Amino acid sequence: MRRFFVGIFDRFLDWLIFCLVHLLFRPKVYYANKSKRKELFKEPTMIVSHHIAHYDGLTIGSVFHKASICHMAAKDRFAQKGLAFFFRHLNVIPIDRQQLDTSWIYQALDKLKRQKEMVAIYPEGLRSETGEILPFHSGITTIATLAQVPLVMIYIEGPYTWLIGNRVKLYVSEPFRLDPPLNGMNADYINEQTIRLHDKMVEMQNEFNNIK
């Protein structure tokens, strides 16, 4: 019975966030390849996003609400009881940035491989307050390689304001895969592919500035 009511609350929370995000931020989605839109999230996928605000995960989850997306967030944010309560109901995996903890990698792999969900990660690790794409951490490459899933990258442009006329914009890539590790998943491979992902996000930023 408890699980039944928790399920109802989770669905209500998803609906409430969907309404608030679309009412306040009016997200608009652009696609790098519109012909590939129907191929998005047909299978478990890693979502890689630029990170500009705490609202990024809520926005991506609301725009692609038909996909079951698990997000990642810094573990220290779970120390706030209010946020921890909502994070648990919003399917968020905590990342411990202070310790050499890899449990979040295994949780992400379980979501992708066993539970067949999407996993969204923000590999800069910090919010970019200037709009510059910060260096990526290598966890994204490790997860994507071990899970052998496609990736979809999302560049987000704010600002997140409630002023009339302002909209949050999302620029979405078509699904793609990392290069296979021909010599094993060694440090050189992980570094090379992580840099590739960072450079691709920078390219998306430049492309979007030319088409919006």
N, C-alpha and C. Protein backbone atom coordinates (compact mmCIF):
# COMPACT_ATOMS: atom_id res chain seq x y z
N MET A 1 0.83 -1.21 0.00
CA MET A 1 0.00 0.00 0.00
C MET A 1 0.87 1.26 0.00
N ARG A 2 1.95 1.23 0.80
CA ARG A 2 2.83 2.39 0.86
C ARG A 2 3.43 2.66 -0.52
N ARG A 3 3.85 1.61 -1.22
CA ARG A 3 4.43 1.77 -2.55
C ARG A 3 3.44 2.40 -3.51
N PHE A 4 2.15 2.05 -3.35
CA PHE A 4 1.10 2.60 -4.21
C PHE A 4 1.02 4.12 -4.04
N PHE A 5 1.00 4.57 -2.77
CA PHE A 5 0.88 6.01 -2.51
C PHE A 5 2.16 6.76 -2.90
N VAL A 6 3.32 6.10 -2.73
CA VAL A 6 4.56 6.73 -3.16
C VAL A 6 4.55 6.92 -4.68
N GLY A 7 4.04 5.93 -5.40
CA GLY A 7 3.95 6.03 -6.86
C GLY A 7 3.04 7.17 -7.28
N ILE A 8 1.92 7.35 -6.58
CA ILE A 8 1.00 8.45 -6.89
C ILE A 8 1.69 9.79 -6.63
N PHE A 9 2.41 9.89 -5.50
CA PHE A 9 3.11 11.14 -5.17
C PHE A 9 4.18 11.45 -6.22
N ASP A 10 4.92 10.42 -6.66
CA ASP A 10 5.96 10.64 -7.66
C ASP A 10 5.37 11.17 -8.96
N ARG A 11 4.25 10.59 -9.38
CA ARG A 11 3.60 11.05 -10.62
C ARG A 11 3.08 12.47 -10.47
N PHE A 12 2.54 12.79 -9.29
CA PHE A 12 2.06 14.16 -9.04
C PHE A 12 3.22 15.15 -9.06
N LEU A 13 4.36 14.75 -8.45
CA LEU A 13 5.53 15.62 -8.42
C LEU A 13 6.05 15.87 -9.83
N ASP A 14 6.10 14.83 -10.64
CA ASP A 14 6.53 14.98 -12.04
C ASP A 14 5.62 15.95 -12.79
N TRP A 15 4.32 15.80 -12.60
CA TRP A 15 3.34 16.67 -13.26
C TRP A 15 3.50 18.12 -12.80
N LEU A 16 3.71 18.32 -11.49
CA LEU A 16 3.85 19.66 -10.95
C LEU A 16 5.10 20.34 -11.50
N ILE A 17 6.22 19.63 -11.53
CA ILE A 17 7.46 20.20 -12.05
C ILE A 17 7.32 20.51 -13.54
N PHE A 18 6.69 19.61 -14.28
CA PHE A 18 6.46 19.83 -15.71
C PHE A 18 5.70 21.15 -15.93
N CYS A 19 4.64 21.34 -15.17
CA CYS A 19 3.83 22.57 -15.33
C CYS A 19 4.62 23.81 -14.95
N LEU A 20 5.36 23.76 -13.85
CA LEU A 20 6.10 24.93 -13.40
C LEU A 20 7.22 25.30 -14.38
N VAL A 21 7.95 24.30 -14.85
CA VAL A 21 9.05 24.57 -15.78
C VAL A 21 8.53 25.20 -17.06
N HIS A 22 7.45 24.64 -17.62
CA HIS A 22 6.93 25.18 -18.87
C HIS A 22 6.24 26.53 -18.68
N LEU A 23 5.69 26.77 -17.51
CA LEU A 23 5.06 28.04 -17.24
C LEU A 23 6.09 29.14 -17.00
N LEU A 24 7.13 28.83 -16.21
CA LEU A 24 8.09 29.86 -15.82
C LEU A 24 9.21 30.07 -16.84
N PHE A 25 9.72 28.99 -17.41
CA PHE A 25 10.90 29.10 -18.26
C PHE A 25 10.60 28.91 -19.75
N ARG A 26 9.44 28.40 -20.09
CA ARG A 26 9.00 28.22 -21.47
C ARG A 26 10.10 27.64 -22.35
N PRO A 27 10.62 26.47 -22.02
CA PRO A 27 11.75 25.91 -22.79
C PRO A 27 11.42 25.69 -24.25
N LYS A 28 12.39 26.02 -25.09
CA LYS A 28 12.27 25.81 -26.53
C LYS A 28 13.40 24.91 -26.98
N VAL A 29 13.07 23.88 -27.76
CA VAL A 29 14.05 22.88 -28.14
C VAL A 29 14.43 23.02 -29.61
N TYR A 30 15.72 23.00 -29.88
CA TYR A 30 16.27 23.00 -31.24
C TYR A 30 17.02 21.67 -31.42
N TYR A 31 16.97 21.13 -32.62
CA TYR A 31 17.63 19.86 -32.88
C TYR A 31 18.71 20.03 -33.94
N ALA A 32 19.87 19.43 -33.69
CA ALA A 32 20.94 19.47 -34.68
C ALA A 32 20.54 18.75 -35.95
N ASN A 33 19.70 17.73 -35.81
CA ASN A 33 19.21 16.96 -36.96
C ASN A 33 17.76 16.57 -36.68
N LYS A 34 16.82 17.35 -37.20
CA LYS A 34 15.41 17.09 -36.92
C LYS A 34 14.95 15.72 -37.40
N SER A 35 15.58 15.20 -38.45
CA SER A 35 15.17 13.91 -38.99
C SER A 35 15.48 12.76 -38.02
N LYS A 36 16.36 13.03 -37.03
CA LYS A 36 16.74 12.00 -36.06
C LYS A 36 15.95 12.12 -34.75
N ARG A 37 14.98 13.03 -34.69
CA ARG A 37 14.25 13.25 -33.44
C ARG A 37 13.59 11.98 -32.92
N LYS A 38 13.03 11.20 -33.82
CA LYS A 38 12.30 10.01 -33.40
C LYS A 38 13.23 8.91 -32.91
N GLU A 39 14.52 9.06 -33.16
CA GLU A 39 15.48 8.05 -32.70
C GLU A 39 15.97 8.32 -31.28
N LEU A 40 15.62 9.49 -30.74
CA LEU A 40 16.07 9.84 -29.40
C LEU A 40 15.41 8.93 -28.36
N PHE A 41 16.22 8.41 -27.46
CA PHE A 41 15.76 7.68 -26.28
C PHE A 41 14.95 6.42 -26.61
N LYS A 42 15.21 5.83 -27.77
CA LYS A 42 14.57 4.55 -28.09
C LYS A 42 15.21 3.40 -27.31
N GLU A 43 16.39 3.65 -26.80
CA GLU A 43 17.11 2.68 -25.99
C GLU A 43 17.80 3.43 -24.86
N PRO A 44 18.27 2.74 -23.82
CA PRO A 44 18.97 3.44 -22.73
C PRO A 44 20.08 4.32 -23.28
N THR A 45 20.12 5.57 -22.83
CA THR A 45 21.00 6.59 -23.42
C THR A 45 21.64 7.43 -22.32
N MET A 46 22.89 7.83 -22.54
CA MET A 46 23.53 8.80 -21.67
C MET A 46 23.22 10.19 -22.20
N ILE A 47 22.70 11.04 -21.35
CA ILE A 47 22.43 12.42 -21.69
C ILE A 47 23.55 13.27 -21.09
N VAL A 48 24.27 14.01 -21.92
CA VAL A 48 25.40 14.82 -21.48
C VAL A 48 25.03 16.28 -21.66
N SER A 49 25.02 17.02 -20.56
CA SER A 49 24.52 18.40 -20.66
C SER A 49 25.51 19.42 -20.12
N HIS A 50 25.53 20.55 -20.77
CA HIS A 50 26.18 21.75 -20.25
C HIS A 50 25.42 22.15 -18.98
N HIS A 51 26.12 22.73 -18.00
CA HIS A 51 25.48 23.00 -16.70
C HIS A 51 25.58 24.48 -16.35
N ILE A 52 24.42 25.16 -16.35
CA ILE A 52 24.44 26.59 -16.05
C ILE A 52 23.63 26.96 -14.81
N ALA A 53 22.74 26.04 -14.33
CA ALA A 53 21.90 26.38 -13.18
C ALA A 53 21.36 25.11 -12.55
N HIS A 54 20.88 25.25 -11.31
CA HIS A 54 20.29 24.11 -10.61
C HIS A 54 19.04 23.59 -11.33
N TYR A 55 18.47 24.42 -12.19
CA TYR A 55 17.23 24.04 -12.87
C TYR A 55 17.46 23.16 -14.11
N ASP A 56 18.71 22.94 -14.48
CA ASP A 56 18.98 22.21 -15.72
C ASP A 56 18.32 20.83 -15.74
N GLY A 57 18.50 20.07 -14.66
CA GLY A 57 17.93 18.73 -14.61
C GLY A 57 16.41 18.73 -14.67
N LEU A 58 15.79 19.69 -13.96
CA LEU A 58 14.34 19.80 -13.99
C LEU A 58 13.85 20.13 -15.39
N THR A 59 14.59 20.99 -16.08
CA THR A 59 14.19 21.39 -17.44
C THR A 59 14.32 20.23 -18.41
N ILE A 60 15.44 19.54 -18.38
CA ILE A 60 15.63 18.39 -19.28
C ILE A 60 14.59 17.32 -18.99
N GLY A 61 14.35 17.05 -17.71
CA GLY A 61 13.36 16.05 -17.35
C GLY A 61 11.97 16.42 -17.80
N SER A 62 11.64 17.71 -17.78
CA SER A 62 10.31 18.16 -18.18
C SER A 62 10.15 18.15 -19.70
N VAL A 63 11.18 18.58 -20.41
CA VAL A 63 11.11 18.61 -21.87
C VAL A 63 10.99 17.19 -22.43
N PHE A 64 11.74 16.27 -21.85
CA PHE A 64 11.71 14.88 -22.31
C PHE A 64 11.03 14.00 -21.25
N HIS A 65 9.84 14.43 -20.85
CA HIS A 65 9.15 13.77 -19.74
C HIS A 65 8.69 12.35 -20.07
N LYS A 66 8.61 12.02 -21.35
CA LYS A 66 8.18 10.68 -21.72
C LYS A 66 9.29 9.65 -21.54
N ALA A 67 10.53 10.12 -21.42
CA ALA A 67 11.66 9.22 -21.17
C ALA A 67 11.89 9.14 -19.67
N SER A 68 12.24 7.97 -19.18
CA SER A 68 12.54 7.80 -17.76
C SER A 68 14.01 8.18 -17.54
N ILE A 69 14.23 9.38 -17.00
CA ILE A 69 15.59 9.92 -16.88
C ILE A 69 16.02 9.95 -15.42
N CYS A 70 17.17 9.39 -15.16
CA CYS A 70 17.81 9.46 -13.85
C CYS A 70 18.91 10.51 -13.92
N HIS A 71 18.91 11.44 -12.99
CA HIS A 71 19.89 12.52 -13.00
C HIS A 71 20.96 12.29 -11.93
N MET A 72 22.07 12.99 -12.09
CA MET A 72 23.14 12.93 -11.10
C MET A 72 23.34 14.30 -10.48
N ALA A 73 23.63 14.31 -9.17
CA ALA A 73 23.84 15.58 -8.46
C ALA A 73 24.87 15.37 -7.36
N ALA A 74 25.53 16.45 -6.97
CA ALA A 74 26.55 16.38 -5.93
C ALA A 74 25.94 15.89 -4.62
N LYS A 75 26.65 15.00 -3.95
CA LYS A 75 26.15 14.39 -2.73
C LYS A 75 25.91 15.41 -1.63
N ASP A 76 26.69 16.50 -1.60
CA ASP A 76 26.53 17.49 -0.54
C ASP A 76 25.17 18.16 -0.58
N ARG A 77 24.51 18.14 -1.75
CA ARG A 77 23.18 18.73 -1.83
C ARG A 77 22.15 17.87 -1.13
N PHE A 78 22.46 16.59 -0.92
CA PHE A 78 21.55 15.71 -0.20
C PHE A 78 21.57 16.00 1.30
N ALA A 79 22.53 16.81 1.75
CA ALA A 79 22.61 17.15 3.17
C ALA A 79 21.46 18.07 3.57
N GLN A 80 20.86 18.74 2.59
CA GLN A 80 19.71 19.60 2.86
C GLN A 80 18.45 18.73 2.83
N LYS A 81 17.78 18.63 3.96
CA LYS A 81 16.67 17.68 4.10
C LYS A 81 15.58 17.88 3.05
N GLY A 82 15.25 19.14 2.77
CA GLY A 82 14.20 19.40 1.78
C GLY A 82 14.59 18.90 0.41
N LEU A 83 15.83 19.22 -0.01
CA LEU A 83 16.30 18.77 -1.31
C LEU A 83 16.45 17.26 -1.36
N ALA A 84 16.95 16.67 -0.26
CA ALA A 84 17.14 15.23 -0.22
C ALA A 84 15.81 14.50 -0.41
N PHE A 85 14.75 15.04 0.17
CA PHE A 85 13.43 14.43 0.03
C PHE A 85 13.00 14.41 -1.43
N PHE A 86 13.14 15.55 -2.11
CA PHE A 86 12.73 15.63 -3.52
C PHE A 86 13.67 14.82 -4.41
N PHE A 87 14.97 14.83 -4.12
CA PHE A 87 15.91 14.07 -4.93
C PHE A 87 15.58 12.59 -4.92
N ARG A 88 15.20 12.08 -3.75
CA ARG A 88 14.85 10.66 -3.67
C ARG A 88 13.66 10.33 -4.55
N HIS A 89 12.71 11.26 -4.63
CA HIS A 89 11.51 11.02 -5.44
C HIS A 89 11.74 11.37 -6.91
N LEU A 90 12.84 12.09 -7.20
CA LEU A 90 13.13 12.46 -8.58
C LEU A 90 14.19 11.57 -9.22
N ASN A 91 14.52 10.47 -8.55
CA ASN A 91 15.42 9.48 -9.16
C ASN A 91 16.81 10.05 -9.41
N VAL A 92 17.41 10.66 -8.37
CA VAL A 92 18.71 11.31 -8.49
C VAL A 92 19.80 10.46 -7.84
N ILE A 93 20.92 10.29 -8.52
CA ILE A 93 22.07 9.56 -8.00
C ILE A 93 23.07 10.56 -7.41
N PRO A 94 23.46 10.40 -6.15
CA PRO A 94 24.43 11.33 -5.54
C PRO A 94 25.87 11.01 -5.96
N ILE A 95 26.64 12.05 -6.26
CA ILE A 95 28.06 11.90 -6.59
C ILE A 95 28.87 12.55 -5.47
N ASP A 96 29.73 11.77 -4.84
CA ASP A 96 30.58 12.29 -3.77
C ASP A 96 31.84 12.89 -4.41
N ARG A 97 31.90 14.22 -4.45
CA ARG A 97 33.03 14.89 -5.10
C ARG A 97 34.23 15.05 -4.17
N GLN A 98 34.06 14.72 -2.88
CA GLN A 98 35.14 14.90 -1.91
C GLN A 98 35.94 13.63 -1.69
N GLN A 99 35.33 12.47 -1.93
CA GLN A 99 35.98 11.19 -1.69
C GLN A 99 36.18 10.44 -3.01
N LEU A 100 37.08 9.47 -3.00
CA LEU A 100 37.30 8.63 -4.17
C LEU A 100 36.25 7.53 -4.18
N ASP A 101 35.03 7.93 -4.39
CA ASP A 101 33.89 7.01 -4.35
C ASP A 101 33.41 6.74 -5.78
N THR A 102 33.32 5.48 -6.14
CA THR A 102 32.88 5.12 -7.49
C THR A 102 31.51 4.45 -7.50
N SER A 103 30.83 4.45 -6.35
CA SER A 103 29.54 3.76 -6.28
C SER A 103 28.53 4.36 -7.25
N TRP A 104 28.64 5.67 -7.51
CA TRP A 104 27.70 6.32 -8.42
C TRP A 104 27.85 5.80 -9.85
N ILE A 105 29.06 5.36 -10.21
CA ILE A 105 29.27 4.79 -11.54
C ILE A 105 28.50 3.49 -11.67
N TYR A 106 28.57 2.65 -10.63
CA TYR A 106 27.85 1.38 -10.67
C TYR A 106 26.34 1.58 -10.62
N GLN A 107 25.90 2.60 -9.89
CA GLN A 107 24.46 2.91 -9.88
C GLN A 107 23.99 3.34 -11.27
N ALA A 108 24.79 4.16 -11.94
CA ALA A 108 24.45 4.61 -13.29
C ALA A 108 24.40 3.42 -14.25
N LEU A 109 25.38 2.52 -14.14
CA LEU A 109 25.40 1.34 -15.01
C LEU A 109 24.17 0.47 -14.76
N ASP A 110 23.76 0.35 -13.51
CA ASP A 110 22.58 -0.44 -13.19
C ASP A 110 21.33 0.18 -13.81
N LYS A 111 21.24 1.50 -13.75
CA LYS A 111 20.09 2.19 -14.36
C LYS A 111 20.04 1.93 -15.86
N LEU A 112 21.19 2.00 -16.51
CA LEU A 112 21.25 1.86 -17.96
C LEU A 112 21.08 0.41 -18.41
N LYS A 113 21.78 -0.50 -17.76
CA LYS A 113 21.84 -1.88 -18.23
C LYS A 113 20.67 -2.74 -17.73
N ARG A 114 20.33 -2.60 -16.45
CA ARG A 114 19.30 -3.47 -15.89
C ARG A 114 17.92 -2.83 -15.91
N GLN A 115 17.85 -1.56 -15.49
CA GLN A 115 16.56 -0.89 -15.40
C GLN A 115 16.14 -0.21 -16.70
N LYS A 116 17.05 -0.17 -17.68
CA LYS A 116 16.75 0.37 -19.00
C LYS A 116 16.26 1.82 -18.95
N GLU A 117 16.89 2.62 -18.12
CA GLU A 117 16.55 4.03 -18.00
C GLU A 117 17.62 4.89 -18.67
N MET A 118 17.28 6.17 -18.85
CA MET A 118 18.25 7.15 -19.34
C MET A 118 18.99 7.73 -18.13
N VAL A 119 20.24 8.10 -18.32
CA VAL A 119 21.01 8.72 -17.24
C VAL A 119 21.56 10.05 -17.74
N ALA A 120 21.26 11.12 -17.01
CA ALA A 120 21.74 12.46 -17.37
C ALA A 120 22.88 12.86 -16.45
N ILE A 121 23.97 13.30 -17.06
CA ILE A 121 25.14 13.69 -16.27
C ILE A 121 25.64 15.05 -16.76
N TYR A 122 26.20 15.82 -15.82
CA TYR A 122 26.68 17.16 -16.11
C TYR A 122 28.19 17.15 -15.84
N PRO A 123 28.99 16.75 -16.85
CA PRO A 123 30.40 16.40 -16.62
C PRO A 123 31.33 17.55 -16.28
N GLU A 124 30.84 18.79 -16.35
CA GLU A 124 31.68 19.89 -15.89
C GLU A 124 31.87 19.82 -14.38
N GLY A 125 30.88 19.24 -13.69
CA GLY A 125 30.98 19.11 -12.24
C GLY A 125 30.53 20.34 -11.48
N LEU A 126 30.66 21.49 -12.11
CA LEU A 126 30.25 22.77 -11.51
C LEU A 126 29.42 23.55 -12.51
N ARG A 127 28.62 24.48 -12.00
CA ARG A 127 27.86 25.34 -12.89
C ARG A 127 28.79 26.39 -13.50
N SER A 128 28.63 26.60 -14.80
CA SER A 128 29.41 27.62 -15.49
C SER A 128 28.65 28.94 -15.42
N GLU A 129 29.19 29.89 -14.70
CA GLU A 129 28.51 31.17 -14.51
C GLU A 129 28.78 32.15 -15.64
N THR A 130 29.74 31.84 -16.49
CA THR A 130 30.10 32.75 -17.59
C THR A 130 29.59 32.28 -18.94
N GLY A 131 29.12 31.02 -19.02
CA GLY A 131 28.70 30.46 -20.29
C GLY A 131 29.80 29.66 -20.97
N GLU A 132 31.04 29.77 -20.45
CA GLU A 132 32.15 28.99 -21.00
C GLU A 132 31.94 27.52 -20.66
N ILE A 133 32.26 26.64 -21.62
CA ILE A 133 32.18 25.21 -21.36
C ILE A 133 33.41 24.80 -20.57
N LEU A 134 33.22 24.40 -19.33
CA LEU A 134 34.33 24.03 -18.47
C LEU A 134 34.86 22.65 -18.84
N PRO A 135 36.09 22.30 -18.42
CA PRO A 135 36.62 20.96 -18.71
C PRO A 135 35.71 19.87 -18.17
N PHE A 136 35.63 18.76 -18.88
CA PHE A 136 34.79 17.63 -18.47
C PHE A 136 35.59 16.68 -17.58
N HIS A 137 34.88 16.07 -16.63
CA HIS A 137 35.45 14.98 -15.85
C HIS A 137 35.25 13.67 -16.61
N SER A 138 36.09 12.70 -16.32
CA SER A 138 36.15 11.48 -17.13
C SER A 138 35.08 10.44 -16.80
N GLY A 139 34.30 10.65 -15.75
CA GLY A 139 33.29 9.66 -15.38
C GLY A 139 32.32 9.36 -16.50
N ILE A 140 31.99 10.37 -17.30
CA ILE A 140 31.05 10.18 -18.40
C ILE A 140 31.58 9.17 -19.41
N THR A 141 32.88 9.25 -19.71
CA THR A 141 33.49 8.31 -20.65
C THR A 141 33.51 6.89 -20.09
N THR A 142 33.82 6.78 -18.81
CA THR A 142 33.85 5.46 -18.17
C THR A 142 32.49 4.79 -18.23
N ILE A 143 31.45 5.53 -17.87
CA ILE A 143 30.10 4.96 -17.86
C ILE A 143 29.65 4.59 -19.26
N ALA A 144 29.81 5.51 -20.21
CA ALA A 144 29.33 5.27 -21.57
C ALA A 144 30.04 4.08 -22.22
N THR A 145 31.34 3.93 -21.93
CA THR A 145 32.10 2.82 -22.51
C THR A 145 31.69 1.49 -21.90
N LEU A 146 31.55 1.45 -20.57
CA LEU A 146 31.18 0.20 -19.91
C LEU A 146 29.74 -0.20 -20.24
N ALA A 147 28.86 0.78 -20.36
CA ALA A 147 27.45 0.48 -20.64
C ALA A 147 27.20 0.21 -22.11
N GLN A 148 28.09 0.71 -22.97
CA GLN A 148 27.95 0.54 -24.42
C GLN A 148 26.59 1.08 -24.90
N VAL A 149 26.31 2.32 -24.52
CA VAL A 149 25.05 2.96 -24.90
C VAL A 149 25.34 4.21 -25.73
N PRO A 150 24.36 4.65 -26.51
CA PRO A 150 24.54 5.90 -27.25
C PRO A 150 24.50 7.11 -26.32
N LEU A 151 24.98 8.23 -26.81
CA LEU A 151 24.95 9.48 -26.06
C LEU A 151 24.15 10.51 -26.84
N VAL A 152 23.50 11.40 -26.10
CA VAL A 152 22.84 12.57 -26.66
C VAL A 152 23.32 13.76 -25.86
N MET A 153 23.85 14.77 -26.55
CA MET A 153 24.36 15.95 -25.87
C MET A 153 23.35 17.09 -25.96
N ILE A 154 23.24 17.85 -24.88
CA ILE A 154 22.30 18.97 -24.82
C ILE A 154 23.04 20.22 -24.36
N TYR A 155 23.03 21.23 -25.21
CA TYR A 155 23.58 22.53 -24.83
C TYR A 155 22.42 23.40 -24.37
N ILE A 156 22.56 24.00 -23.20
CA ILE A 156 21.49 24.82 -22.62
C ILE A 156 21.90 26.29 -22.61
N GLU A 157 20.99 27.13 -23.04
CA GLU A 157 21.22 28.58 -23.00
C GLU A 157 20.12 29.23 -22.17
N GLY A 158 20.51 29.97 -21.16
CA GLY A 158 19.56 30.68 -20.30
C GLY A 158 19.31 32.09 -20.80
N PRO A 159 18.98 32.99 -19.90
CA PRO A 159 18.98 32.77 -18.45
C PRO A 159 17.64 32.21 -17.96
N TYR A 160 17.69 31.62 -16.76
CA TYR A 160 16.46 31.15 -16.14
C TYR A 160 15.81 32.33 -15.41
N THR A 161 15.02 33.08 -16.12
CA THR A 161 14.30 34.19 -15.50
C THR A 161 12.81 34.03 -15.79
N TRP A 162 12.02 34.68 -14.98
CA TRP A 162 10.57 34.60 -15.14
C TRP A 162 10.02 35.77 -15.94
N LEU A 163 10.92 36.55 -16.55
CA LEU A 163 10.47 37.72 -17.30
C LEU A 163 9.80 37.31 -18.61
N ILE A 164 8.75 38.01 -18.95
CA ILE A 164 8.05 37.73 -20.20
C ILE A 164 8.98 37.98 -21.38
N GLY A 165 9.01 37.06 -22.31
CA GLY A 165 9.86 37.19 -23.49
C GLY A 165 11.13 36.37 -23.40
N ASN A 166 11.55 36.03 -22.18
CA ASN A 166 12.75 35.19 -22.02
C ASN A 166 12.38 33.72 -22.06
N ARG A 167 13.19 32.93 -22.71
CA ARG A 167 12.97 31.49 -22.78
C ARG A 167 14.29 30.76 -22.60
N VAL A 168 14.23 29.62 -21.95
CA VAL A 168 15.40 28.75 -21.88
C VAL A 168 15.43 27.92 -23.16
N LYS A 169 16.60 27.83 -23.77
CA LYS A 169 16.71 27.13 -25.06
C LYS A 169 17.61 25.91 -24.90
N LEU A 170 17.23 24.81 -25.54
CA LEU A 170 18.00 23.59 -25.51
C LEU A 170 18.36 23.18 -26.94
N TYR A 171 19.62 22.91 -27.17
CA TYR A 171 20.10 22.47 -28.48
C TYR A 171 20.53 21.02 -28.34
N VAL A 172 19.86 20.12 -29.05
CA VAL A 172 20.00 18.68 -28.83
C VAL A 172 20.69 18.01 -30.01
N SER A 173 21.71 17.23 -29.72
CA SER A 173 22.43 16.51 -30.77
C SER A 173 21.66 15.26 -31.17
N GLU A 174 22.05 14.67 -32.27
CA GLU A 174 21.51 13.36 -32.61
C GLU A 174 22.30 12.31 -31.82
N PRO A 175 21.75 11.11 -31.63
CA PRO A 175 22.47 10.08 -30.87
C PRO A 175 23.76 9.68 -31.58
N PHE A 176 24.80 9.41 -30.81
CA PHE A 176 26.08 8.95 -31.35
C PHE A 176 26.75 8.08 -30.30
N ARG A 177 27.82 7.42 -30.70
CA ARG A 177 28.56 6.56 -29.78
C ARG A 177 30.03 6.96 -29.74
N LEU A 178 30.67 6.63 -28.63
CA LEU A 178 32.10 6.88 -28.52
C LEU A 178 32.87 5.93 -29.43
N ASP A 179 34.09 6.32 -29.76
CA ASP A 179 34.96 5.42 -30.51
C ASP A 179 35.25 4.19 -29.64
N PRO A 180 35.28 3.00 -30.22
CA PRO A 180 35.57 1.80 -29.42
C PRO A 180 37.00 1.81 -28.90
N PRO A 181 37.23 1.29 -27.69
CA PRO A 181 38.60 1.23 -27.13
C PRO A 181 39.40 0.09 -27.74
N LEU A 182 40.07 0.34 -28.84
CA LEU A 182 40.78 -0.70 -29.57
C LEU A 182 41.90 -1.33 -28.74
N ASN A 183 42.53 -0.56 -27.88
CA ASN A 183 43.61 -1.07 -27.03
C ASN A 183 43.22 -1.16 -25.57
N GLY A 184 41.93 -1.32 -25.34
CA GLY A 184 41.45 -1.38 -23.96
C GLY A 184 41.09 -0.01 -23.42
N MET A 185 40.33 0.00 -22.32
CA MET A 185 39.89 1.26 -21.75
C MET A 185 40.97 1.80 -20.81
N ASN A 186 42.07 2.24 -21.42
CA ASN A 186 43.18 2.76 -20.63
C ASN A 186 43.05 4.27 -20.43
N ALA A 187 44.02 4.84 -19.72
CA ALA A 187 43.96 6.27 -19.39
C ALA A 187 43.97 7.15 -20.63
N ASP A 188 44.76 6.77 -21.63
CA ASP A 188 44.84 7.57 -22.86
C ASP A 188 43.49 7.60 -23.57
N TYR A 189 42.84 6.44 -23.63
CA TYR A 189 41.53 6.37 -24.29
C TYR A 189 40.51 7.23 -23.56
N ILE A 190 40.46 7.09 -22.24
CA ILE A 190 39.49 7.85 -21.45
C ILE A 190 39.71 9.34 -21.61
N ASN A 191 40.97 9.77 -21.54
CA ASN A 191 41.28 11.20 -21.69
C ASN A 191 40.92 11.70 -23.09
N GLU A 192 41.23 10.91 -24.11
CA GLU A 192 40.95 11.30 -25.49
C GLU A 192 39.46 11.46 -25.75
N GLN A 193 38.67 10.49 -25.27
CA GLN A 193 37.23 10.54 -25.51
C GLN A 193 36.55 11.63 -24.67
N THR A 194 37.08 11.87 -23.48
CA THR A 194 36.53 12.94 -22.63
C THR A 194 36.75 14.30 -23.28
N ILE A 195 37.94 14.50 -23.83
CA ILE A 195 38.24 15.75 -24.54
C ILE A 195 37.35 15.87 -25.78
N ARG A 196 37.13 14.75 -26.46
CA ARG A 196 36.27 14.76 -27.64
C ARG A 196 34.86 15.23 -27.27
N LEU A 197 34.34 14.75 -26.16
CA LEU A 197 33.00 15.16 -25.73
C LEU A 197 32.97 16.65 -25.39
N HIS A 198 34.00 17.11 -24.69
CA HIS A 198 34.06 18.53 -24.37
C HIS A 198 34.10 19.38 -25.63
N ASP A 199 34.93 18.97 -26.58
CA ASP A 199 35.05 19.75 -27.82
C ASP A 199 33.74 19.73 -28.61
N LYS A 200 33.04 18.61 -28.55
CA LYS A 200 31.75 18.53 -29.25
C LYS A 200 30.74 19.50 -28.63
N MET A 201 30.77 19.64 -27.30
CA MET A 201 29.86 20.59 -26.66
C MET A 201 30.21 22.02 -27.05
N VAL A 202 31.49 22.32 -27.16
CA VAL A 202 31.91 23.65 -27.61
C VAL A 202 31.44 23.90 -29.04
N GLU A 203 31.55 22.88 -29.89
CA GLU A 203 31.06 23.00 -31.27
C GLU A 203 29.56 23.25 -31.29
N MET A 204 28.82 22.56 -30.42
CA MET A 204 27.38 22.77 -30.36
C MET A 204 27.05 24.19 -29.92
N GLN A 205 27.82 24.71 -28.98
CA GLN A 205 27.62 26.09 -28.53
C GLN A 205 27.80 27.06 -29.70
N ASN A 206 28.84 26.86 -30.49
CA ASN A 206 29.12 27.73 -31.63
C ASN A 206 28.05 27.57 -32.70
N GLU A 207 27.63 26.32 -32.96
CA GLU A 207 26.58 26.08 -33.95
C GLU A 207 25.29 26.78 -33.53
N PHE A 208 24.95 26.65 -32.26
CA PHE A 208 23.69 27.21 -31.80
C PHE A 208 23.70 28.74 -31.89
N ASN A 209 24.83 29.34 -31.61
CA ASN A 209 24.93 30.80 -31.71
C ASN A 209 24.71 31.27 -33.14
N ASN A 210 24.94 30.39 -34.10
CA ASN A 210 24.77 30.76 -35.52
C ASN A 210 23.37 30.49 -36.05
N ILE A 211 22.61 29.64 -35.37
CA ILE A 211 21.29 29.27 -35.91
C ILE A 211 20.11 29.83 -35.13
N LYS A 212 20.32 30.25 -33.89
CA LYS A 212 19.18 30.66 -33.06
C LYS A 212 18.59 31.97 -33.56
